[in-house]
Protein backbone atom coordinates (compact mmCIF):
# COMPACT_ATOMS: atom_id res chain seq x y z
CA UNK A 1 -93.29 -87.14 89.99
CA UNK A 2 -90.96 -88.99 92.41
CA UNK A 3 -87.31 -89.58 91.98
CA UNK A 4 -87.72 -93.38 92.04
CA UNK A 5 -91.28 -93.24 89.70
CA UNK A 6 -89.27 -91.24 87.56
CA UNK A 7 -86.54 -93.70 87.16
CA UNK A 8 -88.51 -96.64 86.72
CA UNK A 9 -90.60 -94.53 83.67
CA UNK A 10 -87.05 -94.04 82.22
CA UNK A 11 -85.98 -97.61 82.48
CA UNK A 12 -89.50 -98.52 80.76
CA UNK A 13 -89.56 -95.86 78.30
CA UNK A 14 -86.14 -96.93 77.18
CA UNK A 15 -87.22 -100.63 77.16
CA UNK A 16 -90.56 -99.79 74.82
CA UNK A 17 -88.01 -97.68 72.70
CA UNK A 18 -85.89 -100.44 71.76
CA UNK A 19 -88.52 -102.94 71.04
CA UNK A 20 -89.74 -100.23 68.51
CA UNK A 21 -86.61 -99.05 67.06
CA UNK A 22 -87.28 -95.60 68.34
CA UNK A 23 -84.96 -93.70 70.37
CA UNK A 24 -85.79 -92.06 73.46
CA UNK A 25 -83.76 -89.67 75.63
CA UNK A 26 -83.15 -90.43 79.22
CA UNK A 27 -83.47 -87.14 81.78
CA UNK A 28 -81.83 -87.45 84.88
CA UNK A 29 -84.27 -87.64 88.00
CA UNK A 30 -83.82 -84.46 90.11
CA UNK A 31 -81.41 -83.74 92.72
CA UNK A 32 -82.40 -83.02 96.10
CA UNK A 33 -81.93 -79.19 97.12
CA UNK A 34 -78.55 -78.47 98.27
CA UNK A 35 -76.15 -75.92 98.99
CA UNK A 36 -75.82 -73.69 95.58
CA UNK A 37 -71.90 -74.18 94.93
CA UNK A 38 -71.71 -70.68 93.81
CA UNK A 39 -72.75 -68.55 96.57
CA UNK A 40 -72.74 -70.89 99.93
CA UNK A 41 -75.54 -68.47 101.26
CA UNK A 42 -78.32 -69.87 99.05
CA UNK A 43 -79.69 -73.32 98.33
CA UNK A 44 -79.60 -74.92 94.45
CA UNK A 45 -82.77 -76.57 93.27
CA UNK A 46 -83.57 -78.01 89.76
CA UNK A 47 -80.56 -76.32 88.10
CA UNK A 48 -81.16 -72.59 89.82
CA UNK A 49 -80.16 -71.00 93.00
CA UNK A 50 -82.87 -70.82 95.73
CA UNK A 51 -84.24 -68.86 98.67
CA UNK A 52 -85.98 -70.19 100.82
CA UNK A 53 -89.14 -67.79 102.80
CA UNK A 54 -92.24 -69.53 104.09
CA UNK A 55 -94.17 -70.67 107.04
CA UNK A 56 -93.63 -72.80 110.46
CA UNK A 57 -97.02 -73.80 110.87
CA UNK A 58 -98.35 -75.75 113.60
CA UNK A 59 -101.77 -75.81 112.01
CA UNK A 60 -101.49 -77.53 108.71
CA UNK A 61 -98.54 -80.04 109.87
CA UNK A 62 -97.57 -83.42 108.58
CA UNK A 63 -99.81 -85.38 111.15
CA UNK A 64 -102.58 -83.39 111.93
CA UNK A 65 -105.66 -84.25 109.93
CA UNK A 66 -109.46 -83.69 110.71
CA UNK A 67 -108.33 -84.83 114.42
CA UNK A 68 -111.49 -84.39 117.04
CA UNK A 69 -112.03 -80.93 117.89
CA UNK A 70 -110.88 -78.22 114.56
CA UNK A 71 -111.59 -78.20 111.07
CA UNK A 72 -108.39 -79.17 109.25
CA UNK A 73 -106.43 -76.84 106.88
CA UNK A 74 -104.17 -79.96 105.31
CA UNK A 75 -106.48 -82.78 105.19
CA UNK A 76 -107.29 -85.35 102.48
CA UNK A 77 -110.60 -83.62 101.53
CA UNK A 78 -108.69 -80.83 99.76
CA UNK A 79 -107.48 -78.47 102.09
CA UNK A 80 -104.06 -79.40 101.68
CA UNK A 81 -104.35 -78.14 97.84
CA UNK A 82 -105.44 -74.53 99.24
CA UNK A 83 -103.07 -73.93 101.14
CA UNK A 84 -100.16 -75.19 98.94
CA UNK A 85 -101.73 -73.18 96.38
CA UNK A 86 -102.15 -70.23 98.74
CA UNK A 87 -98.44 -69.93 99.19
CA UNK A 88 -97.40 -70.85 95.63
CA UNK A 89 -99.38 -67.73 94.72
CA UNK A 90 -97.82 -65.55 97.36
CA UNK A 91 -94.01 -66.90 95.89
CA UNK A 92 -93.34 -68.54 99.45
CA UNK A 93 -91.53 -72.02 98.75
CA UNK A 94 -91.28 -73.50 102.47
CA UNK A 95 -93.05 -75.10 104.91
CA UNK A 96 -91.23 -75.92 108.34
CA UNK A 97 -93.74 -78.99 109.34
CA UNK A 98 -94.02 -79.67 112.98
CA UNK A 99 -95.50 -83.24 113.64
CA UNK A 100 -97.71 -84.03 116.38
CA UNK A 101 -97.35 -87.88 117.89
CA UNK A 102 -100.25 -86.75 120.28
CA UNK A 103 -101.96 -83.80 121.55
CA UNK A 104 -104.39 -82.73 124.48
CA UNK A 105 -107.85 -83.11 122.87
CA UNK A 106 -109.20 -80.41 125.32
CA UNK A 107 -107.22 -77.66 123.85
CA UNK A 108 -108.22 -77.05 119.83
CA UNK A 109 -105.06 -75.44 119.52
CA UNK A 110 -102.91 -78.19 119.48
CA UNK A 111 -105.66 -80.83 118.11
CA UNK A 112 -104.73 -84.47 117.85
CA UNK A 113 -102.42 -86.58 115.88
CA UNK A 114 -104.56 -88.65 113.49
CA UNK A 115 -103.60 -91.07 111.38
CA UNK A 116 -101.23 -91.78 114.43
CA UNK A 117 -97.56 -92.99 113.91
CA UNK A 118 -98.07 -96.10 115.35
CA UNK A 119 -101.11 -98.31 114.94
CA UNK A 120 -103.43 -98.75 117.87
CA UNK A 121 -104.04 -102.39 118.24
CA UNK A 122 -104.39 -102.89 121.78
CA UNK A 123 -105.29 -104.44 124.14
CA UNK A 124 -106.74 -102.23 126.37
CA UNK A 125 -107.18 -98.32 126.34
CA UNK A 126 -104.69 -95.47 126.87
CA UNK A 127 -105.41 -92.25 128.70
CA UNK A 128 -107.39 -90.95 125.66
CA UNK A 129 -109.96 -93.81 125.94
CA UNK A 130 -108.83 -95.34 122.56
CA UNK A 131 -106.81 -98.53 122.01
CA UNK A 132 -103.35 -98.46 123.16
CA UNK A 133 -100.62 -98.44 120.80
CA UNK A 134 -98.26 -101.28 119.32
CA UNK A 135 -94.94 -99.55 119.19
CA UNK A 136 -93.33 -102.25 117.05
CA UNK A 137 -95.96 -101.69 113.96
CA UNK A 138 -95.80 -98.25 112.07
CA UNK A 139 -98.68 -97.00 110.71
CA UNK A 140 -98.50 -96.90 107.05
CA UNK A 141 -101.40 -94.57 106.92
CA UNK A 142 -99.25 -91.96 108.45
CA UNK A 143 -96.58 -92.30 106.33
CA UNK A 144 -98.62 -92.28 103.19
CA UNK A 145 -99.85 -88.91 104.25
CA UNK A 146 -96.19 -87.52 104.59
CA UNK A 147 -95.81 -88.53 100.95
CA UNK A 148 -99.13 -87.06 99.85
CA UNK A 149 -97.78 -83.53 101.15
CA UNK A 150 -94.42 -84.05 99.71
CA UNK A 151 -95.48 -85.25 96.16
CA UNK A 152 -98.42 -82.18 96.27
CA UNK A 153 -95.47 -79.31 97.70
CA UNK A 154 -92.97 -80.81 94.53
CA UNK A 155 -95.77 -80.09 91.73
CA UNK A 156 -95.51 -76.40 93.53
CA UNK A 157 -91.64 -76.25 93.71
CA UNK A 158 -92.11 -75.79 97.12
CA UNK A 159 -89.18 -77.23 99.79
CA UNK A 160 -90.76 -79.18 102.94
CA UNK A 161 -88.28 -79.18 106.09
CA UNK A 162 -89.69 -82.21 108.14
CA UNK A 163 -89.24 -82.03 111.59
CA UNK A 164 -89.21 -85.50 113.03
CA UNK A 165 -89.43 -85.18 117.05
CA UNK A 166 -91.36 -83.27 118.95
CA UNK A 167 -89.93 -82.51 121.93
CA UNK A 168 -93.02 -80.58 123.51
CA UNK A 169 -95.16 -83.60 122.82
CA UNK A 170 -93.16 -85.06 125.86
CA UNK A 171 -94.68 -82.82 128.33
CA UNK A 172 -97.91 -81.69 129.84
CA UNK A 173 -101.12 -82.79 128.84
CA UNK A 174 -99.47 -84.14 125.52
CA UNK A 175 -97.49 -86.34 127.45
CA UNK A 176 -100.27 -87.93 129.03
CA UNK A 177 -101.63 -88.88 125.90
CA UNK A 178 -98.21 -89.76 124.35
CA UNK A 179 -97.61 -93.14 122.49
CA UNK A 180 -94.12 -92.93 124.77
CA UNK A 181 -96.21 -93.11 128.04
CA UNK A 182 -96.59 -96.91 129.25
CA UNK A 183 -100.24 -96.13 130.08
CA UNK A 184 -100.55 -95.75 125.85
CA UNK A 185 -98.52 -98.48 124.58
CA UNK A 186 -98.58 -102.41 125.08
CA UNK A 187 -94.43 -102.53 124.94
CA UNK A 188 -93.76 -101.42 128.51
CA UNK A 189 -91.78 -98.61 127.30
CA UNK A 190 -91.51 -95.74 129.36
CA UNK A 191 -89.83 -92.51 128.39
CA UNK A 192 -90.02 -90.84 131.61
CA UNK A 193 -87.73 -93.16 133.44
CA UNK A 194 -87.07 -90.53 135.96
CA UNK A 195 -90.44 -90.28 137.32
CA UNK A 196 -90.98 -86.43 136.58
CA UNK A 197 -93.91 -86.59 134.66
CA UNK A 198 -92.12 -85.64 131.04
CA UNK A 199 -90.86 -88.20 128.91
CA UNK A 200 -87.58 -86.17 127.57
CA UNK A 201 -85.05 -88.22 129.55
CA UNK A 202 -85.70 -92.03 128.22
CA UNK A 203 -87.06 -91.49 124.85
CA UNK A 204 -84.92 -88.56 123.36
CA UNK A 205 -82.02 -89.44 125.33
CA UNK A 206 -82.18 -93.15 123.90
CA UNK A 207 -78.82 -92.37 122.03
CA UNK A 208 -77.28 -92.45 125.26
CA UNK A 209 -79.57 -94.35 127.83
CA UNK A 210 -80.70 -96.98 125.00
CA UNK A 211 -84.03 -97.05 126.26
CA UNK A 212 -86.01 -96.86 123.09
CA UNK A 213 -83.24 -96.77 120.47
CA UNK A 214 -85.30 -99.76 118.46
CA UNK A 215 -88.12 -97.97 118.14
CA UNK A 216 -86.42 -94.34 117.37
CA UNK A 217 -84.32 -95.46 114.85
CA UNK A 218 -87.14 -97.70 113.03
CA UNK A 219 -89.46 -94.34 112.71
CA UNK A 220 -86.22 -92.22 111.62
CA UNK A 221 -85.67 -94.97 108.78
CA UNK A 222 -88.98 -95.44 107.50
CA UNK A 223 -89.37 -91.51 107.68
CA UNK A 224 -86.08 -91.44 105.38
CA UNK A 225 -87.33 -94.46 103.38
CA UNK A 226 -90.82 -92.30 102.53
CA UNK A 227 -89.22 -89.14 101.74
CA UNK A 228 -86.04 -90.21 99.96
CA UNK A 229 -87.75 -90.30 96.59
CA UNK A 230 -88.52 -86.21 96.79
CA UNK A 231 -85.86 -83.52 95.96
CA UNK A 232 -88.01 -80.68 97.87
CA UNK A 233 -87.15 -82.12 101.60
CA UNK A 234 -85.06 -81.14 103.92
CA UNK A 235 -84.60 -82.97 107.38
CA UNK A 236 -84.88 -80.91 110.85
CA UNK A 237 -84.73 -84.10 113.05
CA UNK A 238 -85.23 -82.57 116.27
CA UNK A 239 -86.07 -79.05 117.48
CA UNK A 240 -85.52 -77.42 120.66
CA UNK A 241 -83.42 -79.60 122.87
CA UNK A 242 -81.49 -78.50 125.23
CA UNK A 243 -78.70 -80.66 124.47
CA UNK A 244 -76.59 -80.73 121.36
CA UNK A 245 -75.12 -83.89 121.73
CA UNK A 246 -78.40 -85.62 121.33
CA UNK A 247 -79.40 -83.64 118.03
CA UNK A 248 -75.85 -84.33 116.69
CA UNK A 249 -75.94 -88.31 117.27
CA UNK A 250 -79.60 -88.12 115.62
CA UNK A 251 -78.16 -86.25 112.80
CA UNK A 252 -75.12 -88.60 112.56
CA UNK A 253 -77.53 -91.75 112.53
CA UNK A 254 -79.86 -90.42 110.08
CA UNK A 255 -77.18 -89.28 107.90
CA UNK A 256 -75.45 -92.50 107.68
CA UNK A 257 -78.60 -94.46 107.28
CA UNK A 258 -79.50 -92.23 104.04
CA UNK A 259 -76.02 -92.57 102.81
CA UNK A 260 -77.06 -96.10 101.31
CA UNK A 261 -80.13 -94.56 99.57
CA UNK A 262 -80.44 -93.29 96.07
CA UNK A 263 -80.57 -89.42 97.25
CA UNK A 264 -79.26 -87.54 100.24
CA UNK A 265 -80.81 -84.75 101.55
CA UNK A 266 -79.87 -81.76 103.85
CA UNK A 267 -80.33 -81.75 107.54
CA UNK A 268 -80.95 -78.46 109.31
CA UNK A 269 -79.98 -78.09 113.00
CA UNK A 270 -82.11 -75.50 114.81
CA UNK A 271 -81.03 -73.45 118.09
CA UNK A 272 -82.54 -73.66 120.95
CA UNK A 273 -83.70 -76.28 123.96
CA UNK A 274 -86.10 -77.55 126.16
CA UNK A 275 -84.65 -79.21 128.83
CA UNK A 276 -86.05 -82.50 130.82
CA UNK A 277 -86.82 -80.46 133.87
CA UNK A 278 -89.01 -78.20 131.74
CA UNK A 279 -87.06 -74.86 131.58
CA UNK A 280 -85.51 -73.53 128.55
CA UNK A 281 -81.96 -72.82 129.88
CA UNK A 282 -80.38 -71.39 126.46
CA UNK A 283 -80.23 -71.61 122.63
CA UNK A 284 -76.92 -73.38 121.30
CA UNK A 285 -73.36 -71.07 121.29
CA UNK A 286 -72.39 -70.03 117.74
CA UNK A 287 -69.39 -72.00 118.12
CA UNK A 288 -71.38 -75.45 119.03
CA UNK A 289 -73.43 -74.90 116.01
CA UNK A 290 -70.69 -74.20 113.61
CA UNK A 291 -69.00 -77.44 114.89
CA UNK A 292 -72.07 -79.22 114.03
CA UNK A 293 -72.50 -81.29 110.68
CA UNK A 294 -75.74 -80.19 109.76
CA UNK A 295 -75.86 -78.61 106.11
CA UNK A 296 -78.47 -75.28 107.76
CA UNK A 297 -78.16 -73.78 110.70
CA UNK A 298 -80.87 -71.27 112.22
CA UNK A 299 -79.97 -68.28 113.64
CA UNK A 300 -81.34 -66.65 117.34
CA UNK A 301 -80.38 -64.08 119.37
CA UNK A 302 -79.91 -66.05 122.51
CA UNK A 303 -77.36 -68.13 121.31
CA UNK A 304 -74.21 -66.00 121.70
CA UNK A 305 -72.07 -65.35 119.25
CA UNK A 306 -74.68 -64.63 116.23
CA UNK A 307 -74.91 -60.71 117.17
CA UNK A 308 -78.31 -58.56 116.55
CA UNK A 309 -79.92 -61.10 114.71
CA UNK A 310 -82.99 -60.11 115.77
CA UNK A 311 -82.91 -56.36 115.32
CA UNK A 312 -80.31 -55.56 112.77
CA UNK A 313 -78.67 -58.73 111.73
CA UNK A 314 -74.90 -59.08 110.60
CA UNK A 315 -73.98 -60.02 106.96
CA UNK A 316 -74.68 -63.97 107.11
CA UNK A 317 -71.43 -63.99 104.82
CA UNK A 318 -69.67 -63.11 107.88
CA UNK A 319 -70.92 -65.71 110.13
CA UNK A 320 -68.40 -68.24 109.17
CA UNK A 321 -70.83 -70.79 108.36
CA UNK A 322 -70.15 -71.23 104.78
CA UNK A 323 -73.94 -72.59 104.84
CA UNK A 324 -77.36 -71.26 104.26
CA UNK A 325 -78.40 -69.37 107.38
CA UNK A 326 -82.19 -69.02 108.17
CA UNK A 327 -83.57 -66.45 110.06
CA UNK A 328 -85.75 -68.89 112.85
CA UNK A 329 -88.52 -66.32 113.91
CA UNK A 330 -89.75 -68.69 116.69
CA UNK A 331 -86.39 -67.93 118.71
CA UNK A 332 -86.04 -64.65 117.14
CA UNK A 333 -89.67 -62.79 117.78
CA UNK A 334 -92.60 -65.39 117.30
CA UNK A 335 -95.15 -62.62 116.82
CA UNK A 336 -93.11 -60.00 114.84
CA UNK A 337 -94.78 -58.95 111.85
CA UNK A 338 -92.03 -55.86 111.20
CA UNK A 339 -91.74 -55.68 107.37
CA UNK A 340 -88.75 -53.66 107.66
CA UNK A 341 -87.36 -56.09 109.76
CA UNK A 342 -87.99 -58.80 107.03
CA UNK A 343 -86.06 -56.65 104.69
CA UNK A 344 -83.10 -56.39 106.76
CA UNK A 345 -83.12 -60.11 107.16
CA UNK A 346 -83.01 -60.68 103.37
CA UNK A 347 -80.62 -58.02 102.19
CA UNK A 348 -78.19 -59.54 104.69
CA UNK A 349 -78.48 -62.83 103.46
CA UNK A 350 -80.83 -64.77 105.67
CA UNK A 351 -83.65 -67.33 104.34
CA UNK A 352 -86.53 -66.31 106.78
CA UNK A 353 -89.31 -68.64 108.38
CA UNK A 354 -92.30 -66.63 109.44
CA UNK A 355 -93.88 -68.49 112.48
CA UNK A 356 -97.32 -68.84 112.62
CA UNK A 357 -99.14 -69.59 115.81
CA UNK A 358 -101.64 -72.28 115.34
CA UNK A 359 -104.54 -69.91 117.54
CA UNK A 360 -105.47 -67.45 115.14
CA UNK A 361 -106.81 -70.54 113.00
CA UNK A 362 -108.96 -71.40 115.70
CA UNK A 363 -109.98 -67.76 116.54
CA UNK A 364 -110.81 -66.40 113.01
CA UNK A 365 -111.18 -69.51 110.77
CA UNK A 366 -109.42 -70.21 107.33
CA UNK A 367 -110.88 -67.75 105.38
CA UNK A 368 -110.42 -65.05 108.03
CA UNK A 369 -106.84 -66.37 108.79
CA UNK A 370 -105.37 -66.13 105.63
CA UNK A 371 -107.35 -62.82 104.93
CA UNK A 372 -106.33 -61.22 107.81
CA UNK A 373 -104.89 -57.58 106.75
CA UNK A 374 -101.59 -57.71 109.26
CA UNK A 375 -101.01 -60.85 108.63
CA UNK A 376 -101.60 -60.69 104.68
CA UNK A 377 -99.41 -57.54 104.58
CA UNK A 378 -96.73 -59.44 105.65
CA UNK A 379 -96.88 -62.34 103.71
CA UNK A 380 -96.83 -59.71 100.56
CA UNK A 381 -93.56 -58.44 101.61
CA UNK A 382 -92.23 -62.16 101.98
CA UNK A 383 -93.99 -62.44 98.29
CA UNK A 384 -92.24 -59.63 96.79
CA UNK A 385 -88.93 -60.94 97.95
CA UNK A 386 -89.42 -64.50 97.02
CA UNK A 387 -90.28 -63.02 93.57
CA UNK A 388 -87.13 -61.04 92.90
CA UNK A 389 -85.07 -63.66 94.19
CA UNK A 390 -86.41 -66.68 92.57
CA UNK A 391 -87.82 -65.47 89.62
CA UNK A 392 -86.58 -62.23 88.23
CA UNK A 393 -82.89 -61.73 89.46
CA UNK A 394 -80.59 -62.72 87.00
CA UNK A 395 -79.22 -64.90 88.63
CA UNK A 396 -79.64 -65.10 92.94
CA UNK A 397 -75.80 -66.60 93.25
CA UNK A 398 -74.56 -63.14 91.86
CA UNK A 399 -76.98 -60.94 94.14
CA UNK A 400 -74.38 -60.00 96.89
CA UNK A 401 -75.38 -58.63 100.17
CA UNK A 402 -73.70 -55.53 101.48
CA UNK A 403 -73.73 -53.69 104.76
CA UNK A 404 -71.24 -50.85 103.49
CA UNK A 405 -71.77 -47.87 101.67
CA UNK A 406 -69.56 -48.26 98.88
CA UNK A 407 -72.81 -50.02 96.92
CA UNK A 408 -75.81 -48.15 98.37
CA UNK A 409 -75.76 -45.65 100.97
CA UNK A 410 -78.64 -47.46 102.79
CA UNK A 411 -76.30 -50.42 103.71
CA UNK A 412 -79.26 -52.75 103.25
CA UNK A 413 -78.53 -53.88 99.55
CA UNK A 414 -77.82 -56.93 97.35
CA UNK A 415 -75.93 -56.09 94.04
CA UNK A 416 -74.40 -57.86 91.09
CA UNK A 417 -72.48 -54.57 90.67
CA UNK A 418 -73.13 -52.83 87.45
CA UNK A 419 -76.16 -55.07 86.37
CA UNK A 420 -78.77 -55.31 89.35
CA UNK A 421 -79.58 -53.79 92.80
CA UNK A 422 -81.84 -54.25 95.71
CA UNK A 423 -81.85 -51.97 97.93
CA UNK A 424 -84.07 -51.06 101.23
CA UNK A 425 -84.53 -47.62 102.23
CA UNK A 426 -85.78 -47.23 105.87
CA UNK A 427 -85.96 -43.54 105.72
CA UNK A 428 -87.55 -41.05 103.03
CA UNK A 429 -83.84 -39.17 102.40
CA UNK A 430 -82.03 -39.46 99.28
CA UNK A 431 -79.60 -41.97 98.62
CA UNK A 432 -76.77 -43.19 96.07
CA UNK A 433 -76.51 -46.11 94.00
CA UNK A 434 -72.78 -46.77 92.94
CA UNK A 435 -70.80 -48.90 90.74
CA UNK A 436 -72.90 -48.44 87.71
CA UNK A 437 -72.36 -48.53 84.06
CA UNK A 438 -71.83 -44.91 82.70
CA UNK A 439 -74.08 -43.85 79.98
CA UNK A 440 -76.64 -46.87 80.72
CA UNK A 441 -80.19 -47.43 80.64
CA UNK A 442 -81.44 -49.22 83.72
CA UNK A 443 -84.93 -49.76 84.64
CA UNK A 444 -86.35 -49.40 88.30
CA UNK A 445 -89.27 -49.87 90.32
CA UNK A 446 -90.44 -48.82 94.05
CA UNK A 447 -92.06 -51.33 96.41
CA UNK A 448 -93.82 -49.96 99.47
CA UNK A 449 -93.63 -51.81 102.48
CA UNK A 450 -96.69 -50.56 103.91
CA UNK A 451 -98.92 -51.19 101.12
CA UNK A 452 -97.24 -54.36 100.12
CA UNK A 453 -97.46 -53.18 96.50
CA UNK A 454 -95.35 -51.68 93.67
CA UNK A 455 -96.03 -47.84 93.55
CA UNK A 456 -94.14 -46.90 90.66
CA UNK A 457 -91.57 -47.90 88.02
CA UNK A 458 -89.58 -45.99 85.44
CA UNK A 459 -85.85 -45.75 83.85
CA UNK A 460 -83.11 -43.81 83.87
CA UNK A 461 -79.83 -43.17 81.47
CA UNK A 462 -77.06 -42.54 83.82
CA UNK A 463 -74.26 -39.87 83.78
CA UNK A 464 -71.50 -41.44 85.51
CA UNK A 465 -71.14 -44.00 87.64
CA UNK A 466 -73.49 -43.31 90.57
CA UNK A 467 -77.22 -42.16 90.83
CA UNK A 468 -79.22 -40.35 93.62
CA UNK A 469 -82.87 -41.46 93.82
CA UNK A 470 -85.33 -40.07 95.99
CA UNK A 471 -87.91 -42.71 97.63
CA UNK A 472 -91.50 -41.80 97.83
CA UNK A 473 -91.56 -42.05 101.24
CA UNK A 474 -90.30 -44.16 104.13
CA UNK A 475 -89.92 -48.10 104.06
CA UNK A 476 -89.46 -48.18 100.17
CA UNK A 477 -87.53 -50.74 98.31
CA UNK A 478 -85.89 -49.96 95.19
CA UNK A 479 -85.38 -52.80 92.36
CA UNK A 480 -82.70 -51.66 89.61
CA UNK A 481 -81.94 -53.72 86.81
CA UNK A 482 -79.84 -52.74 83.62
CA UNK A 483 -81.71 -52.86 80.49
CA UNK A 484 -80.59 -55.91 77.95
CA UNK A 485 -79.92 -58.66 80.73
């Protein structure tokens, strides 16, 4: 139930209770997801620390419904529920939603934006043969769709990272059909102010040039109005734009607008940049990103300063961010399905967003893609980590990532020392877990990365503060928990 509805219900219940002589307890609405006060590596949501693990998905995104050329996954006929249930069953709790304002109708991977953001009233037709857009009239159906997704995700405790602006919609065939192309709107708005066949210069630069600031701001404010009641939302205002001053300008504007609302949401800044000339010059420098007012940052190897986040990530706690950091697989390696890499990311304190291309949906269909062996094995590894972090750990905030050998020899460990340990063992050789309690019973289980399953369980009675474990083979995870917790 969205927060504003809950508040109305509380007031109504209190009034009815007063009239009938009964006493009702008024519960506070759920606060939005926020940085964990105890451990800034993690989030907090509904009173508990939270680790985010999930999908960046172009196929089932905020705006793409039944479209023209392909079967939808998150359409209003029921696939949305199927997809969200699929994630929840696998302990995945985050969707990074990439919006389409338009598309290339000849490309089934891109699809088409339907419902559109703005109303198509005409007069006249655009490049796609449909009525032109009136950019002063936002389409309520679009925002109802956003609200539906947020509400259904909230019911399943899934966090929605909503991207507002899609820079890739401003070039190529998608620019041909973009509402900000003057051929497609009745408002004489042309985001391609330098006539280079791309719309990045006029519209996305509008905080500086003023070309379409009113239209841009009206959309942002309507989106914020729509999702402000939902606690399960993080804003990502612009993804992959080359100059940091624009995302910062939009972050500042959006934060200022929401400051007057009932709730304030976290804002994520992603690294990277598509320039107006169509090149991809660089990812943002770490120093630039740390200076940002954003609440969440993504990391990528192309941005100088983050270190070897694409191979063996340094501890997230040593990056100097004092906020959650997300391993952005779109920028690290979009096609990577390396289970060992995922566990290195997890045990070093980074959240994980798997890049999922739209193409496999078209090639394999819904059932084929979601049951594809390679894809689903990786999700099973993500699922096990998600279940540990968000359900089984006694307190995620106290599970401190460590890359030394003072806790476990493998250097890939997170632990609440003496009580709980999670150790990734890339090799089959024996290793020691340390700082245990003497003469104490611990339960353990071994998870096999290659099968995505727990293969054995048992218990030990310690004799001293160190215990030696022999993994069943290469690439196993050990979960060790003191009995009686």
